[in-house]
Every structure is written in C-alpha cells, then in structure tokens.
C-alpha cells in the first residue's frame, strides 16, 4: 500500500512538473523588446521599414518603429500617426497575402 501511494505521489509530481515546463520555456525563449523612453519625433512613412507592437508582458504598451537606416524608436500606442502607419502596414500585408 505504501508503494502504491508513493508511486501515485511521484506520478502526480512528475505530471505537475511537465505541465509547468512549457510555461517556463515560453518565458525564457528570448529577449522581449519593451519601451522605456518614448519619442515624439514624426518620421516620414517612406523612412519606416517596420512597425511592431511591444510584447504583452511590457509595462507600457507601445510601438517599436524601425527605419530603413536601422534605427529604432519607441512610440506610445496613443500616437495617432504611428497607429495609422501600423494599421496601413499590417492591412496591406494581409491583403497582399490573400491575392
């Protein structure tokens, strides 16, 4: 009886560890880009190569904008021109993939 209880206990412990592993691996998959300083500069759309949202685990939500020269800028998600550029970029990518 003791062996059965010990076996069941070990099995439950292993099951809990296996369930927790994917969460730990997900958190440790790589660096998360967050913004701590935000820019107020208006960048012409022709100079923008990429716009992405900050990771959901970041304290402040915003956009990371990369220029064609490789510079990165952070903008708050409330900046209208960045939000518009983000929506245009991602809507045009979606429509070009559907064709």
C-alpha atoms as a PDB file:
ATOM      1  CA  UNK A   1       0.000   0.000   0.000  1.00  0.00           C
ATOM      2  CA  UNK A   2       2.869   2.379   0.828  1.00  0.00           C
ATOM      3  CA  UNK A   3       4.455   1.639  -2.540  1.00  0.00           C
ATOM      4  CA  UNK A   4       1.197   2.417  -4.334  1.00  0.00           C
ATOM      5  CA  UNK A   5       0.806   5.764  -2.529  1.00  0.00           C
ATOM      6  CA  UNK A   6       4.447   6.627  -3.210  1.00  0.00           C
ATOM      7  CA  UNK A   7       4.066   5.720  -6.890  1.00  0.00           C
ATOM      8  CA  UNK A   8       0.902   7.799  -7.274  1.00  0.00           C
ATOM      9  CA  UNK A   9       2.563  10.708  -5.463  1.00  0.00           C
ATOM     10  CA  UNK A  10       5.602  10.558  -7.767  1.00  0.00           C
ATOM     11  CA  UNK A  11       3.356  10.341 -10.814  1.00  0.00           C
ATOM     12  CA  UNK A  12       1.424  13.446  -9.726  1.00  0.00           C
ATOM     13  CA  UNK A  13       4.671  15.319  -9.038  1.00  0.00           C
ATOM     14  CA  UNK A  14       6.020  14.458 -12.490  1.00  0.00           C
ATOM     15  CA  UNK A  15       2.741  15.494 -14.114  1.00  0.00           C
ATOM     16  CA  UNK A  16       2.869  18.887 -12.365  1.00  0.00           C
ATOM     17  CA  UNK A  17       6.483  19.444 -13.422  1.00  0.00           C
ATOM     18  CA  UNK A  18       5.728  18.543 -17.034  1.00  0.00           C
ATOM     19  CA  UNK A  19       2.778  20.935 -17.056  1.00  0.00           C
ATOM     20  CA  UNK A  20       4.885  23.794 -15.639  1.00  0.00           C
ATOM     21  CA  UNK A  21       7.801  23.274 -18.041  1.00  0.00           C
ATOM     22  CA  UNK A  22       6.177  24.777 -21.158  1.00  0.00           C
ATOM     23  CA  UNK A  23       5.380  27.969 -19.220  1.00  0.00           C
ATOM     24  CA  UNK A  24       8.982  28.299 -18.078  1.00  0.00           C
ATOM     25  CA  UNK A  25      10.279  27.602 -21.576  1.00  0.00           C
ATOM     26  CA  UNK A  26       7.893  30.178 -23.029  1.00  0.00           C
ATOM     27  CA  UNK A  27       9.204  32.856 -20.654  1.00  0.00           C
ATOM     28  CA  UNK A  28      12.822  32.006 -21.415  1.00  0.00           C
ATOM     29  CA  UNK A  29      12.611  31.809 -25.210  1.00  0.00           C
ATOM     30  CA  UNK A  30      14.424  35.063 -25.744  1.00  0.00           C
ATOM     31  CA  UNK A  31      14.573  38.741 -25.052  1.00  0.00           C
ATOM     32  CA  UNK A  32      11.381  40.742 -25.026  1.00  0.00           C
ATOM     33  CA  UNK A  33      11.508  44.208 -26.561  1.00  0.00           C
ATOM     34  CA  UNK A  34       9.923  46.789 -24.286  1.00  0.00           C
ATOM     35  CA  UNK A  35       9.998  50.569 -24.430  1.00  0.00           C
ATOM     36  CA  UNK A  36      11.130  52.708 -21.517  1.00  0.00           C
ATOM     37  CA  UNK A  37      11.636  56.023 -23.322  1.00  0.00           C
ATOM     38  CA  UNK A  38       9.225  57.291 -25.930  1.00  0.00           C
ATOM     39  CA  UNK A  39       9.877  59.560 -28.881  1.00  0.00           C
ATOM     40  CA  UNK A  40       7.736  62.421 -30.117  1.00  0.00           C
ATOM     41  CA  UNK A  41       9.521  62.793 -33.473  1.00  0.00           C
ATOM     42  CA  UNK A  42       7.388  62.380 -36.592  1.00  0.00           C
ATOM     43  CA  UNK A  43       9.117  60.041 -39.038  1.00  0.00           C
ATOM     44  CA  UNK A  44       8.078  60.126 -42.714  1.00  0.00           C
ATOM     45  CA  UNK A  45       6.373  56.883 -43.771  1.00  0.00           C
ATOM     46  CA  UNK A  46       8.873  56.428 -46.611  1.00  0.00           C
ATOM     47  CA  UNK A  47      11.623  56.060 -43.966  1.00  0.00           C
ATOM     48  CA  UNK A  48       9.780  53.363 -41.984  1.00  0.00           C
ATOM     49  CA  UNK A  49      10.755  49.755 -42.651  1.00  0.00           C
ATOM     50  CA  UNK A  50       8.894  48.008 -39.825  1.00  0.00           C
ATOM     51  CA  UNK A  51       6.447  48.741 -37.024  1.00  0.00           C
ATOM     52  CA  UNK A  52       5.596  46.203 -34.362  1.00  0.00           C
ATOM     53  CA  UNK A  53       3.770  46.291 -31.066  1.00  0.00           C
ATOM     54  CA  UNK A  54       5.644  45.832 -27.825  1.00  0.00           C
ATOM     55  CA  UNK A  55       5.307  42.454 -26.128  1.00  0.00           C
ATOM     56  CA  UNK A  56       2.220  41.927 -23.983  1.00  0.00           C
ATOM     57  CA  UNK A  57       4.394  41.476 -20.876  1.00  0.00           C
ATOM     58  CA  UNK A  58       5.810  45.013 -21.164  1.00  0.00           C
ATOM     59  CA  UNK A  59       4.728  47.522 -18.518  1.00  0.00           C
ATOM     60  CA  UNK A  60       3.756  50.179 -21.070  1.00  0.00           C
ATOM     61  CA  UNK A  61       2.185  49.251 -24.386  1.00  0.00           C
ATOM     62  CA  UNK A  62       3.506  50.948 -27.475  1.00  0.00           C
ATOM     63  CA  UNK A  63       5.060  50.549 -30.900  1.00  0.00           C
ATOM     64  CA  UNK A  64       8.636  49.872 -31.906  1.00  0.00           C
ATOM     65  CA  UNK A  65       9.345  51.548 -35.217  1.00  0.00           C
ATOM     66  CA  UNK A  66      12.435  50.678 -37.269  1.00  0.00           C
ATOM     67  CA  UNK A  67      13.697  52.955 -40.004  1.00  0.00           C
ATOM     68  CA  UNK A  68      15.256  51.963 -43.317  1.00  0.00           C
ATOM     69  CA  UNK A  69      18.616  53.016 -41.811  1.00  0.00           C
ATOM     70  CA  UNK A  70      18.154  50.511 -38.972  1.00  0.00           C
ATOM     71  CA  UNK A  71      17.391  52.919 -36.126  1.00  0.00           C
ATOM     72  CA  UNK A  72      14.679  52.021 -33.615  1.00  0.00           C
ATOM     73  CA  UNK A  73      12.229  54.397 -31.973  1.00  0.00           C
ATOM     74  CA  UNK A  74       9.545  53.765 -29.383  1.00  0.00           C
ATOM     75  CA  UNK A  75       6.167  55.470 -29.520  1.00  0.00           C
ATOM     76  CA  UNK A  76       3.213  55.299 -27.175  1.00  0.00           C
ATOM     77  CA  UNK A  77       0.218  53.444 -28.589  1.00  0.00           C
ATOM     78  CA  UNK A  78      -1.808  56.654 -28.382  1.00  0.00           C
ATOM     79  CA  UNK A  79       0.245  58.476 -31.062  1.00  0.00           C
ATOM     80  CA  UNK A  80      -2.205  58.779 -33.992  1.00  0.00           C
ATOM     81  CA  UNK A  81       0.233  58.805 -36.932  1.00  0.00           C
ATOM     82  CA  UNK A  82       2.088  55.708 -35.653  1.00  0.00           C
ATOM     83  CA  UNK A  83      -1.165  53.824 -35.104  1.00  0.00           C
ATOM     84  CA  UNK A  84      -2.307  54.761 -38.612  1.00  0.00           C
ATOM     85  CA  UNK A  85       1.023  53.690 -40.147  1.00  0.00           C
ATOM     86  CA  UNK A  86       0.913  50.411 -38.196  1.00  0.00           C
ATOM     87  CA  UNK A  87      -2.625  49.661 -39.413  1.00  0.00           C
ATOM     88  CA  UNK A  88      -1.736  50.537 -43.018  1.00  0.00           C
ATOM     89  CA  UNK A  89       1.368  48.323 -42.967  1.00  0.00           C
ATOM     90  CA  UNK A  90      -0.405  45.349 -41.464  1.00  0.00           C
ATOM     91  CA  UNK A  91      -3.564  45.687 -43.563  1.00  0.00           C
ATOM     92  CA  UNK A  92      -1.540  45.901 -46.777  1.00  0.00           C
ATOM     93  CA  UNK A  93       0.480  42.810 -45.764  1.00  0.00           C
ATOM     94  CA  UNK A  94      -2.726  40.872 -45.148  1.00  0.00           C
ATOM     95  CA  UNK A  95      -4.317  41.902 -48.435  1.00  0.00           C
ATOM     96  CA  UNK A  96      -1.189  41.088 -50.463  1.00  0.00           C
ATOM     97  CA  UNK A  97      -1.018  37.622 -48.904  1.00  0.00           C
ATOM     98  CA  UNK A  98      -4.638  36.860 -49.798  1.00  0.00           C
ATOM     99  CA  UNK A  99      -4.167  37.530 -53.517  1.00  0.00           C
END
